[in-house]
Amino acid sequence: MNWTKKEEVLNSLKEDGLNLKYASTALQNDPEVVLIAVKENCWAIEYASVELRNDPEIVKEAIKQNGKSIEYASPTLKNNKEIAMMAVKQYGGAIGYISEELRDNFEIGMEAVKQYGLHLNRLSDRLKNNKEIVIEAIKNFSLALEYASQKLKNDPEVVLEAIKKDTRNIKYASENIRSNKEIMKIVLKDNCWNLKYASKEIQDDKELVMPLIKKNNDIVMYASPRLQNDKDIIEECINHYGTDIFKYTNDDIRNNRDIMFRAVQVTGFNINYASEELRNDENLMRVALKTCNWAYQFAGPELKEKYPTVEKFIESTKEKVKPKETSKEKPIRSRSRSNGNER
């Protein structure tokens, strides 16, 4: 095969346009040769000369097959509105290869996001702040909210459009929106885990958080420190066999005998979170062992020193129940008055 002979090269290109890469420099600069190669395979444009990658006819032939091939067009043609629009219509992702100037063009930007909303991230900052384009992007791909301007992330209409598709998109909204109680009610009702993205104010709202705890007590990890130490919240978690709550409670709660007693009644494992003082409490340990036979491993140092093994502890706590003696009471005679005269 002689890659300098036009006829031989043309026959080869009819079979595989990518063979253009083997052609001589002269033939890679021949419009007829390159056009035949590109018609067979649009990606052959990569091997065309710099001059021919600036040829509108050749570039249009390539992007007619795949808009992404505009990547190999000259900077001049990447800035040609007609060619850029043609490329984007064929493949929305071509928006990433056209000129910066045209990525600021409303018509081209709208075409791109209509195909795939995520293409919003390739547009200019000005278009990311265009409400019409951003809403169109969100309609096609709700996660596009991530790439909207800060101004539009603070727009209730825009955010509501995004969470209508997927409430987890609330994480891209502004702090102000994530503090909006009505909007947060919507996203929390749909998915309690959205509490993770709520503002500190919402995470500290007992009215909103308590129903979430009732659904899934693990969500307490995203509640405020104040609510993590709220006795009502703790009780609710305990009622639902929640042990994680004690990962977040303060020392006062861990040293509260009433709370920890209730906790170990549900599962003795919770004694693990009790204060050292309570882990040395024999009565509390006795209750813990009823619901968790390996709870003794969490016993306090004083208790373990006194009873090195759980067997010795159990032996020491056995109560000898003595049978109660039944006492025979003498019958009480009732003294009834006779109808006769008393002497």
C-alpha atoms as a PDB file:
ATOM      1  CA  MET A   1       0.000   0.000   0.000  1.00  0.00           C
ATOM      2  CA  ASN A   2       1.421   3.321  -1.075  1.00  0.00           C
ATOM      3  CA  TRP A   3      -0.013   6.057   1.130  1.00  0.00           C
ATOM      4  CA  THR A   4       1.205   8.767  -1.177  1.00  0.00           C
ATOM      5  CA  LYS A   5      -0.832   7.571  -4.171  1.00  0.00           C
ATOM      6  CA  LYS A   6      -4.250   9.203  -4.221  1.00  0.00           C
ATOM      7  CA  GLU A   7      -6.115   6.401  -6.010  1.00  0.00           C
ATOM      8  CA  GLU A   8      -4.887   3.710  -3.634  1.00  0.00           C
ATOM      9  CA  VAL A   9      -5.648   5.882  -0.613  1.00  0.00           C
ATOM     10  CA  LEU A  10      -9.162   6.667  -1.884  1.00  0.00           C
ATOM     11  CA  ASN A  11      -9.935   2.969  -2.260  1.00  0.00           C
ATOM     12  CA  SER A  12      -8.673   2.338   1.282  1.00  0.00           C
ATOM     13  CA  LEU A  13     -10.730   5.209   2.709  1.00  0.00           C
ATOM     14  CA  LYS A  14     -13.930   3.843   1.173  1.00  0.00           C
ATOM     15  CA  GLU A  15     -13.431   0.800   3.388  1.00  0.00           C
ATOM     16  CA  ASP A  16     -12.301   2.669   6.499  1.00  0.00           C
ATOM     17  CA  GLY A  17     -12.162   6.437   6.715  1.00  0.00           C
ATOM     18  CA  LEU A  18      -9.798   6.283   9.688  1.00  0.00           C
ATOM     19  CA  ASN A  19      -7.072   5.101   7.329  1.00  0.00           C
ATOM     20  CA  LEU A  20      -6.645   8.790   6.617  1.00  0.00           C
ATOM     21  CA  LYS A  21      -4.144   8.828   9.469  1.00  0.00           C
ATOM     22  CA  TYR A  22      -1.750   6.787   7.298  1.00  0.00           C
ATOM     23  CA  ALA A  23      -2.078   9.007   4.264  1.00  0.00           C
ATOM     24  CA  SER A  24       0.656  11.421   3.330  1.00  0.00           C
ATOM     25  CA  THR A  25       0.568  14.985   4.583  1.00  0.00           C
ATOM     26  CA  ALA A  26      -0.295  16.149   1.079  1.00  0.00           C
ATOM     27  CA  LEU A  27      -3.328  13.840   0.868  1.00  0.00           C
ATOM     28  CA  GLN A  28      -4.454  14.803   4.384  1.00  0.00           C
ATOM     29  CA  ASN A  29      -4.654  18.303   2.937  1.00  0.00           C
ATOM     30  CA  ASP A  30      -6.596  17.205  -0.154  1.00  0.00           C
ATOM     31  CA  PRO A  31     -10.296  18.245   0.170  1.00  0.00           C
ATOM     32  CA  GLU A  32     -11.541  15.368  -2.005  1.00  0.00           C
ATOM     33  CA  VAL A  33      -9.602  12.747  -0.046  1.00  0.00           C
ATOM     34  CA  VAL A  34     -10.570  14.131   3.353  1.00  0.00           C
ATOM     35  CA  LEU A  35     -14.258  14.511   2.442  1.00  0.00           C
ATOM     36  CA  ILE A  36     -14.466  10.866   1.347  1.00  0.00           C
ATOM     37  CA  ALA A  37     -12.746   9.786   4.580  1.00  0.00           C
ATOM     38  CA  VAL A  38     -15.091  11.884   6.762  1.00  0.00           C
ATOM     39  CA  LYS A  39     -18.194  10.620   4.916  1.00  0.00           C
ATOM     40  CA  GLU A  40     -17.134   7.074   5.724  1.00  0.00           C
ATOM     41  CA  ASN A  41     -16.225   7.915   9.339  1.00  0.00           C
ATOM     42  CA  CYS A  42     -16.732  11.318  10.942  1.00  0.00           C
ATOM     43  CA  TRP A  43     -13.788  10.796  13.298  1.00  0.00           C
ATOM     44  CA  ALA A  44     -11.399  10.854  10.352  1.00  0.00           C
ATOM     45  CA  ILE A  45     -11.554  14.641  10.660  1.00  0.00           C
ATOM     46  CA  GLU A  46      -8.993  14.291  13.434  1.00  0.00           C
ATOM     47  CA  TYR A  47      -6.374  13.421  10.778  1.00  0.00           C
ATOM     48  CA  ALA A  48      -7.279  16.174   8.342  1.00  0.00           C
ATOM     49  CA  SER A  49      -4.888  19.055   7.966  1.00  0.00           C
ATOM     50  CA  VAL A  50      -5.318  22.171  10.082  1.00  0.00           C
ATOM     51  CA  GLU A  51      -6.459  23.963   6.943  1.00  0.00           C
ATOM     52  CA  LEU A  52      -9.210  21.465   6.132  1.00  0.00           C
ATOM     53  CA  ARG A  53     -10.452  21.368   9.699  1.00  0.00           C
ATOM     54  CA  ASN A  54     -11.411  24.933   8.949  1.00  0.00           C
ATOM     55  CA  ASP A  55     -13.435  23.863   5.886  1.00  0.00           C
ATOM     56  CA  PRO A  56     -17.190  24.302   6.634  1.00  0.00           C
ATOM     57  CA  GLU A  57     -18.242  21.560   4.171  1.00  0.00           C
ATOM     58  CA  ILE A  58     -15.936  18.965   5.726  1.00  0.00           C
ATOM     59  CA  VAL A  59     -16.796  19.936   9.303  1.00  0.00           C
ATOM     60  CA  LYS A  60     -20.538  19.900   8.575  1.00  0.00           C
ATOM     61  CA  GLU A  61     -20.186  16.420   7.072  1.00  0.00           C
ATOM     62  CA  ALA A  62     -18.522  15.229  10.267  1.00  0.00           C
ATOM     63  CA  ILE A  63     -20.971  16.764  12.739  1.00  0.00           C
ATOM     64  CA  LYS A  64     -23.913  15.542  10.667  1.00  0.00           C
ATOM     65  CA  GLN A  65     -22.877  12.074  11.859  1.00  0.00           C
ATOM     66  CA  ASN A  66     -21.823  13.037  15.371  1.00  0.00           C
ATOM     67  CA  GLY A  67     -21.934  16.530  16.827  1.00  0.00           C
ATOM     68  CA  LYS A  68     -19.066  15.726  19.186  1.00  0.00           C
ATOM     69  CA  SER A  69     -16.702  15.672  16.223  1.00  0.00           C
ATOM     70  CA  ILE A  70     -16.769  19.479  16.310  1.00  0.00           C
ATOM     71  CA  GLU A  71     -14.029  18.929  18.869  1.00  0.00           C
ATOM     72  CA  TYR A  72     -11.593  18.690  15.917  1.00  0.00           C
ATOM     73  CA  ALA A  73     -12.891  21.708  14.045  1.00  0.00           C
ATOM     74  CA  SER A  74     -10.871  24.901  13.910  1.00  0.00           C
ATOM     75  CA  PRO A  75     -11.407  27.602  16.554  1.00  0.00           C
ATOM     76  CA  THR A  76     -13.025  29.704  13.842  1.00  0.00           C
ATOM     77  CA  LEU A  77     -15.689  27.107  13.066  1.00  0.00           C
ATOM     78  CA  LYS A  78     -16.212  26.361  16.755  1.00  0.00           C
ATOM     79  CA  ASN A  79     -17.246  29.980  16.963  1.00  0.00           C
ATOM     80  CA  ASN A  80     -19.567  29.739  13.948  1.00  0.00           C
ATOM     81  CA  LYS A  81     -23.137  29.933  15.261  1.00  0.00           C
ATOM     82  CA  GLU A  82     -24.685  27.882  12.429  1.00  0.00           C
ATOM     83  CA  ILE A  83     -22.146  25.063  12.741  1.00  0.00           C
ATOM     84  CA  ALA A  84     -22.212  25.134  16.536  1.00  0.00           C
ATOM     85  CA  MET A  85     -26.007  24.894  16.596  1.00  0.00           C
ATOM     86  CA  MET A  86     -25.898  22.053  14.083  1.00  0.00           C
ATOM     87  CA  ALA A  87     -23.446  20.182  16.293  1.00  0.00           C
ATOM     88  CA  VAL A  88     -25.455  20.757  19.477  1.00  0.00           C
ATOM     89  CA  LYS A  89     -28.710  19.674  17.824  1.00  0.00           C
ATOM     90  CA  GLN A  90     -27.059  16.425  16.757  1.00  0.00           C
ATOM     91  CA  TYR A  91     -25.416  15.897  20.149  1.00  0.00           C
ATOM     92  CA  GLY A  92     -26.110  18.160  23.118  1.00  0.00           C
ATOM     93  CA  GLY A  93     -22.728  17.411  24.641  1.00  0.00           C
ATOM     94  CA  ALA A  94     -21.100  19.284  21.763  1.00  0.00           C
ATOM     95  CA  ILE A  95     -21.787  22.384  23.851  1.00  0.00           C
ATOM     96  CA  GLY A  96     -18.569  21.540  25.681  1.00  0.00           C
ATOM     97  CA  TYR A  97     -16.472  21.881  22.496  1.00  0.00           C
ATOM     98  CA  ILE A  98     -17.760  25.069  20.940  1.00  0.00           C
ATOM     99  CA  SER A  99     -16.340  28.502  21.694  1.00  0.00           C
ATOM    100  CA  GLU A 100     -16.775  30.189  25.037  1.00  0.00           C
ATOM    101  CA  GLU A 101     -18.611  32.976  23.273  1.00  0.00           C
ATOM    102  CA  LEU A 102     -21.260  30.631  21.872  1.00  0.00           C
ATOM    103  CA  ARG A 103     -21.684  28.853  25.212  1.00  0.00           C
ATOM    104  CA  ASP A 104     -23.169  32.186  26.228  1.00  0.00           C
ATOM    105  CA  ASN A 105     -25.691  32.085  23.362  1.00  0.00           C
ATOM    106  CA  PHE A 106     -29.272  31.677  24.617  1.00  0.00           C
ATOM    107  CA  GLU A 107     -30.578  29.617  21.641  1.00  0.00           C
ATOM    108  CA  ILE A 108     -27.635  27.223  21.652  1.00  0.00           C
ATOM    109  CA  GLY A 109     -27.703  26.904  25.444  1.00  0.00           C
ATOM    110  CA  MET A 110     -31.436  26.182  25.439  1.00  0.00           C
ATOM    111  CA  GLU A 111     -30.984  23.516  22.759  1.00  0.00           C
ATOM    112  CA  ALA A 112     -28.304  21.825  24.848  1.00  0.00           C
ATOM    113  CA  VAL A 113     -30.297  21.665  28.098  1.00  0.00           C
ATOM    114  CA  LYS A 114     -33.434  20.501  26.285  1.00  0.00           C
ATOM    115  CA  GLN A 115     -31.505  17.402  25.314  1.00  0.00           C
ATOM    116  CA  TYR A 116     -29.902  16.855  28.693  1.00  0.00           C
ATOM    117  CA  GLY A 117     -30.244  19.158  31.650  1.00  0.00           C
ATOM    118  CA  LEU A 118     -26.774  18.419  32.955  1.00  0.00           C
ATOM    119  CA  HIS A 119     -25.328  20.344  30.020  1.00  0.00           C
ATOM    120  CA  LEU A 120     -26.151  23.404  32.115  1.00  0.00           C
ATOM    121  CA  ASN A 121     -22.738  22.963  33.705  1.00  0.00           C
ATOM    122  CA  ARG A 122     -21.106  23.776  30.326  1.00  0.00           C
ATOM    123  CA  LEU A 123     -22.929  27.048  29.837  1.00  0.00           C
ATOM    124  CA  SER A 124     -21.713  30.518  30.731  1.00  0.00           C
ATOM    125  CA  ASP A 125     -22.343  31.989  34.169  1.00  0.00           C
ATOM    126  CA  ARG A 126     -24.823  34.382  32.576  1.00  0.00           C
ATOM    127  CA  LEU A 127     -26.951  31.513  31.235  1.00  0.00           C
ATOM    128  CA  LYS A 128     -26.669  29.620  34.532  1.00  0.00           C
ATOM    129  CA  ASN A 129     -28.428  32.640  35.962  1.00  0.00           C
ATOM    130  CA  ASN A 130     -31.160  32.571  33.301  1.00  0.00           C
ATOM    131  CA  LYS A 131     -34.310  31.273  35.002  1.00  0.00           C
ATOM    132  CA  GLU A 132     -35.899  30.002  31.782  1.00  0.00           C
ATOM    133  CA  ILE A 133     -32.846  27.956  30.840  1.00  0.00           C
ATOM    134  CA  VAL A 134     -32.294  26.637  34.360  1.00  0.00           C
ATOM    135  CA  ILE A 135     -35.907  25.480  34.766  1.00  0.00           C
ATOM    136  CA  GLU A 136     -35.727  23.781  31.357  1.00  0.00           C
ATOM    137  CA  ALA A 137     -32.519  22.042  32.437  1.00  0.00           C
ATOM    138  CA  ILE A 138     -34.097  20.891  35.704  1.00  0.00           C
ATOM    139  CA  LYS A 139     -37.132  19.518  33.883  1.00  0.00           C
ATOM    140  CA  ASN A 140     -34.827  17.289  31.882  1.00  0.00           C
ATOM    141  CA  PHE A 141     -32.413  16.464  34.678  1.00  0.00           C
ATOM    142  CA  SER A 142     -33.317  17.601  38.164  1.00  0.00           C
ATOM    143  CA  LEU A 143     -29.746  17.441  39.499  1.00  0.00           C
ATOM    144  CA  ALA A 144     -28.958  20.350  37.189  1.00  0.00           C
ATOM    145  CA  LEU A 145     -29.896  22.596  40.123  1.00  0.00           C
ATOM    146  CA  GLU A 146     -26.342  22.012  41.345  1.00  0.00           C
ATOM    147  CA  TYR A 147     -25.036  24.154  38.465  1.00  0.00           C
ATOM    148  CA  ALA A 148     -27.549  26.981  38.688  1.00  0.00           C
ATOM    149  CA  SER A 149     -26.411  30.371  39.950  1.00  0.00           C
ATOM    150  CA  GLN A 150     -26.571  31.123  43.666  1.00  0.00           C
ATOM    151  CA  LYS A 151     -29.383  33.522  42.936  1.00  0.00           C
ATOM    152  CA  LEU A 152     -31.528  30.803  41.346  1.00  0.00           C
ATOM    153  CA  LYS A 153     -30.641  28.287  44.063  1.00  0.00           C
ATOM    154  CA  ASN A 154     -32.402  30.750  46.324  1.00  0.00           C
ATOM    155  CA  ASP A 155     -35.472  30.968  44.082  1.00  0.00           C
ATOM    156  CA  PRO A 156     -38.390  28.926  45.554  1.00  0.00           C
ATOM    157  CA  GLU A 157     -39.932  28.315  42.108  1.00  0.00           C
ATOM    158  CA  VAL A 158     -36.677  26.900  40.736  1.00  0.00           C
ATOM    159  CA  VAL A 159     -36.004  24.762  43.813  1.00  0.00           C
ATOM    160  CA  LEU A 160     -39.563  23.422  43.931  1.00  0.00           C
ATOM    161  CA  GLU A 161     -39.198  22.335  40.308  1.00  0.00           C
ATOM    162  CA  ALA A 162     -36.073  20.411  41.256  1.00  0.00           C
ATOM    163  CA  ILE A 163     -37.471  18.729  44.382  1.00  0.00           C
ATOM    164  CA  LYS A 164     -40.622  17.813  42.470  1.00  0.00           C
ATOM    165  CA  LYS A 165     -38.396  15.429  40.534  1.00  0.00           C
ATOM    166  CA  ASP A 166     -36.247  14.318  43.472  1.00  0.00           C
ATOM    167  CA  THR A 167     -36.439  15.788  46.962  1.00  0.00           C
ATOM    168  CA  ARG A 168     -32.747  15.036  47.548  1.00  0.00           C
ATOM    169  CA  ASN A 169     -32.026  18.012  45.293  1.00  0.00           C
ATOM    170  CA  ILE A 170     -32.707  20.163  48.348  1.00  0.00           C
ATOM    171  CA  LYS A 171     -29.008  19.745  49.118  1.00  0.00           C
ATOM    172  CA  TYR A 172     -28.221  22.132  46.246  1.00  0.00           C
ATOM    173  CA  ALA A 173     -30.607  24.823  47.449  1.00  0.00           C
ATOM    174  CA  SER A 174     -29.475  27.901  49.328  1.00  0.00           C
ATOM    175  CA  GLU A 175     -29.262  28.031  53.124  1.00  0.00           C
ATOM    176  CA  ASN A 176     -32.257  30.329  53.068  1.00  0.00           C
ATOM    177  CA  ILE A 177     -34.384  27.771  51.202  1.00  0.00           C
ATOM    178  CA  ARG A 178     -33.183  24.954  53.472  1.00  0.00           C
ATOM    179  CA  SER A 179     -34.458  27.052  56.368  1.00  0.00           C
ATOM    180  CA  ASN A 180     -37.886  27.418  54.794  1.00  0.00           C
ATOM    181  CA  LYS A 181     -40.167  25.340  57.017  1.00  0.00           C
ATOM    182  CA  GLU A 182     -42.862  24.770  54.385  1.00  0.00           C
ATOM    183  CA  ILE A 183     -40.393  23.599  51.743  1.00  0.00           C
ATOM    184  CA  MET A 184     -38.573  21.419  54.248  1.00  0.00           C
ATOM    185  CA  LYS A 185     -41.851  19.818  55.317  1.00  0.00           C
ATOM    186  CA  ILE A 186     -42.287  18.668  51.717  1.00  0.00           C
ATOM    187  CA  VAL A 187     -38.827  17.144  51.391  1.00  0.00           C
ATOM    188  CA  LEU A 188     -38.819  15.586  54.857  1.00  0.00           C
ATOM    189  CA  LYS A 189     -42.210  14.003  54.326  1.00  0.00           C
ATOM    190  CA  ASP A 190     -40.902  12.352  51.175  1.00  0.00           C
ATOM    191  CA  ASN A 191     -37.546  11.287  52.613  1.00  0.00           C
ATOM    192  CA  CYS A 192     -36.628  11.679  56.270  1.00  0.00           C
ATOM    193  CA  TRP A 193     -32.919  11.472  55.408  1.00  0.00           C
ATOM    194  CA  ASN A 194     -33.197  14.919  53.839  1.00  0.00           C
ATOM    195  CA  LEU A 195     -32.792  16.202  57.393  1.00  0.00           C
ATOM    196  CA  LYS A 196     -29.095  15.889  56.618  1.00  0.00           C
ATOM    197  CA  TYR A 197     -29.385  18.857  54.245  1.00  0.00           C
ATOM    198  CA  ALA A 198     -31.655  20.985  56.414  1.00  0.00           C
ATOM    199  CA  SER A 199     -30.456  24.163  58.039  1.00  0.00           C
ATOM    200  CA  LYS A 200     -29.406  24.102  61.700  1.00  0.00           C
ATOM    201  CA  GLU A 201     -32.651  25.849  62.505  1.00  0.00           C
ATOM    202  CA  ILE A 202     -34.715  23.042  60.972  1.00  0.00           C
ATOM    203  CA  GLN A 203     -32.535  20.366  62.561  1.00  0.00           C
ATOM    204  CA  ASP A 204     -33.365  21.947  65.902  1.00  0.00           C
ATOM    205  CA  ASP A 205     -37.131  22.052  65.266  1.00  0.00           C
ATOM    206  CA  LYS A 206     -38.640  19.401  67.548  1.00  0.00           C
ATOM    207  CA  GLU A 207     -42.013  19.607  65.811  1.00  0.00           C
ATOM    208  CA  LEU A 208     -40.394  18.592  62.521  1.00  0.00           C
ATOM    209  CA  VAL A 209     -37.809  16.173  63.857  1.00  0.00           C
ATOM    210  CA  MET A 210     -39.960  14.063  66.215  1.00  0.00           C
ATOM    211  CA  PRO A 211     -42.142  12.554  63.424  1.00  0.00           C
ATOM    212  CA  LEU A 212     -38.964  11.630  61.557  1.00  0.00           C
ATOM    213  CA  ILE A 213     -37.580   9.861  64.628  1.00  0.00           C
ATOM    214  CA  LYS A 214     -40.798   7.868  64.835  1.00  0.00           C
ATOM    215  CA  LYS A 215     -40.279   6.734  61.252  1.00  0.00           C
ATOM    216  CA  ASN A 216     -36.599   5.974  61.598  1.00  0.00           C
ATOM    217  CA  ASN A 217     -34.740   6.622  64.833  1.00  0.00           C
ATOM    218  CA  ASP A 218     -31.374   6.489  63.043  1.00  0.00           C
ATOM    219  CA  ILE A 219     -32.170   9.922  61.636  1.00  0.00           C
ATOM    220  CA  VAL A 220     -31.303  11.329  65.066  1.00  0.00           C
ATOM    221  CA  MET A 221     -27.707  11.611  63.835  1.00  0.00           C
ATOM    222  CA  TYR A 222     -28.779  14.709  61.884  1.00  0.00           C
ATOM    223  CA  ALA A 223     -30.795  16.308  64.672  1.00  0.00           C
ATOM    224  CA  SER A 224     -29.310  19.217  66.573  1.00  0.00           C
ATOM    225  CA  PRO A 225     -27.224  18.505  69.712  1.00  0.00           C
ATOM    226  CA  ARG A 226     -30.045  19.993  71.767  1.00  0.00           C
ATOM    227  CA  LEU A 227     -32.569  17.504  70.389  1.00  0.00           C
ATOM    228  CA  GLN A 228     -30.111  14.624  70.642  1.00  0.00           C
ATOM    229  CA  ASN A 229     -30.192  15.268  74.384  1.00  0.00           C
ATOM    230  CA  ASP A 230     -33.919  15.887  74.587  1.00  0.00           C
ATOM    231  CA  LYS A 231     -35.546  13.314  76.899  1.00  0.00           C
ATOM    232  CA  ASP A 232     -38.632  12.909  74.693  1.00  0.00           C
ATOM    233  CA  ILE A 233     -36.468  12.253  71.639  1.00  0.00           C
ATOM    234  CA  ILE A 234     -34.301   9.820  73.603  1.00  0.00           C
ATOM    235  CA  GLU A 235     -37.369   7.973  74.901  1.00  0.00           C
ATOM    236  CA  GLU A 236     -38.724   7.686  71.360  1.00  0.00           C
ATOM    237  CA  CYS A 237     -35.441   6.249  70.145  1.00  0.00           C
ATOM    238  CA  ILE A 238     -35.324   3.775  73.026  1.00  0.00           C
ATOM    239  CA  ASN A 239     -38.891   2.677  72.284  1.00  0.00           C
ATOM    240  CA  HIS A 240     -37.825   1.817  68.748  1.00  0.00           C
ATOM    241  CA  TYR A 241     -34.858  -0.221  69.944  1.00  0.00           C
ATOM    242  CA  GLY A 242     -32.568   2.655  69.041  1.00  0.00           C
ATOM    243  CA  THR A 243     -29.058   2.379  70.412  1.00  0.00           C
ATOM    244  CA  ASP A 244     -27.345   4.988  68.224  1.00  0.00           C
ATOM    245  CA  ILE A 245     -28.945   7.834  70.148  1.00  0.00           C
ATOM    246  CA  PHE A 246     -26.398   7.381  72.939  1.00  0.00           C
ATOM    247  CA  LYS A 247     -23.557   8.049  70.514  1.00  0.00           C
ATOM    248  CA  TYR A 248     -24.692  11.655  70.501  1.00  0.00           C
ATOM    249  CA  THR A 249     -25.878  12.253  74.055  1.00  0.00           C
ATOM    250  CA  ASN A 250     -23.894  14.200  76.639  1.00  0.00           C
ATOM    251  CA  ASP A 251     -22.492  12.984  79.957  1.00  0.00           C
ATOM    252  CA  ASP A 252     -25.548  14.125  81.904  1.00  0.00           C
ATOM    253  CA  ILE A 253     -27.779  11.793  79.900  1.00  0.00           C
ATOM    254  CA  ARG A 254     -25.336   8.907  80.151  1.00  0.00           C
ATOM    255  CA  ASN A 255     -25.288   9.369  83.895  1.00  0.00           C
ATOM    256  CA  ASN A 256     -29.062   9.619  84.220  1.00  0.00           C
ATOM    257  CA  ARG A 257     -30.100   6.438  85.999  1.00  0.00           C
ATOM    258  CA  ASP A 258     -33.757   6.560  84.946  1.00  0.00           C
ATOM    259  CA  ILE A 259     -32.900   6.968  81.271  1.00  0.00           C
ATOM    260  CA  MET A 260     -30.193   4.313  81.250  1.00  0.00           C
ATOM    261  CA  PHE A 261     -32.378   1.927  83.241  1.00  0.00           C
ATOM    262  CA  ARG A 262     -35.076   2.260  80.573  1.00  0.00           C
ATOM    263  CA  ALA A 263     -32.454   1.826  77.857  1.00  0.00           C
ATOM    264  CA  VAL A 264     -30.996  -1.412  79.215  1.00  0.00           C
ATOM    265  CA  GLN A 265     -34.483  -2.797  79.707  1.00  0.00           C
ATOM    266  CA  VAL A 266     -34.841  -2.641  75.925  1.00  0.00           C
ATOM    267  CA  THR A 267     -31.365  -4.015  75.239  1.00  0.00           C
ATOM    268  CA  GLY A 268     -28.574  -4.581  77.698  1.00  0.00           C
ATOM    269  CA  PHE A 269     -26.112  -3.469  75.042  1.00  0.00           C
ATOM    270  CA  ASN A 270     -27.010   0.110  75.926  1.00  0.00           C
ATOM    271  CA  ILE A 271     -25.077  -0.186  79.163  1.00  0.00           C
ATOM    272  CA  ASN A 272     -22.067   0.301  76.946  1.00  0.00           C
ATOM    273  CA  TYR A 273     -23.060   3.992  76.685  1.00  0.00           C
ATOM    274  CA  ALA A 274     -23.715   4.517  80.394  1.00  0.00           C
ATOM    275  CA  SER A 275     -21.330   6.513  82.572  1.00  0.00           C
ATOM    276  CA  GLU A 276     -18.648   4.647  84.484  1.00  0.00           C
ATOM    277  CA  GLU A 277     -20.619   5.197  87.666  1.00  0.00           C
ATOM    278  CA  LEU A 278     -23.666   3.436  86.217  1.00  0.00           C
ATOM    279  CA  ARG A 279     -21.595   0.673  84.651  1.00  0.00           C
ATOM    280  CA  ASN A 280     -20.467  -0.091  88.215  1.00  0.00           C
ATOM    281  CA  ASP A 281     -24.088  -0.292  89.368  1.00  0.00           C
ATOM    282  CA  GLU A 282     -24.957  -3.907  90.211  1.00  0.00           C
ATOM    283  CA  ASN A 283     -28.698  -3.433  89.860  1.00  0.00           C
ATOM    284  CA  LEU A 284     -28.345  -1.836  86.430  1.00  0.00           C
ATOM    285  CA  MET A 285     -26.030  -4.598  85.285  1.00  0.00           C
ATOM    286  CA  ARG A 286     -28.458  -7.193  86.525  1.00  0.00           C
ATOM    287  CA  VAL A 287     -31.182  -5.695  84.310  1.00  0.00           C
ATOM    288  CA  ALA A 288     -28.790  -5.416  81.362  1.00  0.00           C
ATOM    289  CA  LEU A 289     -27.908  -9.102  81.523  1.00  0.00           C
ATOM    290  CA  LYS A 290     -31.575 -10.029  81.232  1.00  0.00           C
ATOM    291  CA  THR A 291     -31.723  -8.587  77.715  1.00  0.00           C
ATOM    292  CA  CYS A 292     -28.100  -9.053  76.622  1.00  0.00           C
ATOM    293  CA  ASN A 293     -26.143 -11.993  78.011  1.00  0.00           C
ATOM    294  CA  TRP A 294     -22.799 -10.458  77.007  1.00  0.00           C
ATOM    295  CA  ALA A 295     -23.455  -7.029  78.529  1.00  0.00           C
ATOM    296  CA  TYR A 296     -21.005  -7.757  81.356  1.00  0.00           C
ATOM    297  CA  GLN A 297     -18.081  -6.998  79.062  1.00  0.00           C
ATOM    298  CA  PHE A 298     -19.091  -3.330  79.487  1.00  0.00           C
ATOM    299  CA  ALA A 299     -19.070  -3.482  83.285  1.00  0.00           C
ATOM    300  CA  GLY A 300     -17.211  -0.717  85.084  1.00  0.00           C
ATOM    301  CA  PRO A 301     -13.763  -1.304  86.606  1.00  0.00           C
ATOM    302  CA  GLU A 302     -15.039  -1.467  90.196  1.00  0.00           C
ATOM    303  CA  LEU A 303     -17.644  -4.053  89.319  1.00  0.00           C
ATOM    304  CA  LYS A 304     -15.130  -6.165  87.413  1.00  0.00           C
ATOM    305  CA  GLU A 305     -12.672  -5.948  90.266  1.00  0.00           C
ATOM    306  CA  LYS A 306     -15.327  -7.194  92.645  1.00  0.00           C
ATOM    307  CA  TYR A 307     -16.622  -9.851  90.251  1.00  0.00           C
ATOM    308  CA  PRO A 308     -13.941 -10.713  87.643  1.00  0.00           C
ATOM    309  CA  THR A 309     -16.318 -12.875  85.587  1.00  0.00           C
ATOM    310  CA  VAL A 310     -19.954 -12.706  84.681  1.00  0.00           C
ATOM    311  CA  GLU A 311     -20.448 -16.125  86.288  1.00  0.00           C
ATOM    312  CA  LYS A 312     -19.256 -14.815  89.644  1.00  0.00           C
ATOM    313  CA  PHE A 313     -21.472 -11.772  89.291  1.00  0.00           C
ATOM    314  CA  ILE A 314     -24.528 -13.878  88.505  1.00  0.00           C
ATOM    315  CA  GLU A 315     -23.744 -16.238  91.391  1.00  0.00           C
ATOM    316  CA  SER A 316     -23.529 -13.290  93.790  1.00  0.00           C
ATOM    317  CA  THR A 317     -26.870 -11.938  92.727  1.00  0.00           C
ATOM    318  CA  LYS A 318     -28.854 -15.118  93.090  1.00  0.00           C
ATOM    319  CA  GLU A 319     -31.513 -14.689  95.691  1.00  0.00           C
ATOM    320  CA  LYS A 320     -32.568 -17.596  97.834  1.00  0.00           C
ATOM    321  CA  VAL A 321     -36.273 -17.441  97.930  1.00  0.00           C
ATOM    322  CA  LYS A 322     -37.588 -18.852 101.214  1.00  0.00           C
ATOM    323  CA  PRO A 323     -41.120 -20.259 101.202  1.00  0.00           C
ATOM    324  CA  LYS A 324     -43.482 -18.044 103.145  1.00  0.00           C
ATOM    325  CA  GLU A 325     -44.914 -19.555 106.318  1.00  0.00           C
ATOM    326  CA  THR A 326     -48.659 -19.588 106.327  1.00  0.00           C
ATOM    327  CA  SER A 327     -49.983 -18.472 109.691  1.00  0.00           C
ATOM    328  CA  LYS A 328     -53.208 -19.901 111.029  1.00  0.00           C
ATOM    329  CA  GLU A 329     -55.256 -17.133 112.401  1.00  0.00           C
ATOM    330  CA  LYS A 330     -57.720 -17.803 115.161  1.00  0.00           C
ATOM    331  CA  PRO A 331     -61.261 -17.162 114.030  1.00  0.00           C
ATOM    332  CA  ILE A 332     -62.702 -14.021 115.471  1.00  0.00           C
ATOM    333  CA  ARG A 333     -65.961 -14.624 117.154  1.00  0.00           C
ATOM    334  CA  SER A 334     -68.551 -12.043 116.592  1.00  0.00           C
ATOM    335  CA  ARG A 335     -70.367 -11.097 119.697  1.00  0.00           C
ATOM    336  CA  SER A 336     -73.958 -10.645 118.805  1.00  0.00           C
ATOM    337  CA  ARG A 337     -76.323  -9.004 121.196  1.00  0.00           C
ATOM    338  CA  SER A 338     -79.242 -11.122 122.299  1.00  0.00           C
ATOM    339  CA  ASN A 339     -82.734  -9.891 121.966  1.00  0.00           C
ATOM    340  CA  GLY A 340     -83.183 -10.598 125.643  1.00  0.00           C
ATOM    341  CA  ASN A 341     -82.379  -8.312 128.532  1.00  0.00           C
ATOM    342  CA  GLU A 342     -78.768  -7.981 129.463  1.00  0.00           C
ATOM    343  CA  ARG A 343     -77.751  -8.586 132.995  1.00  0.00           C
END
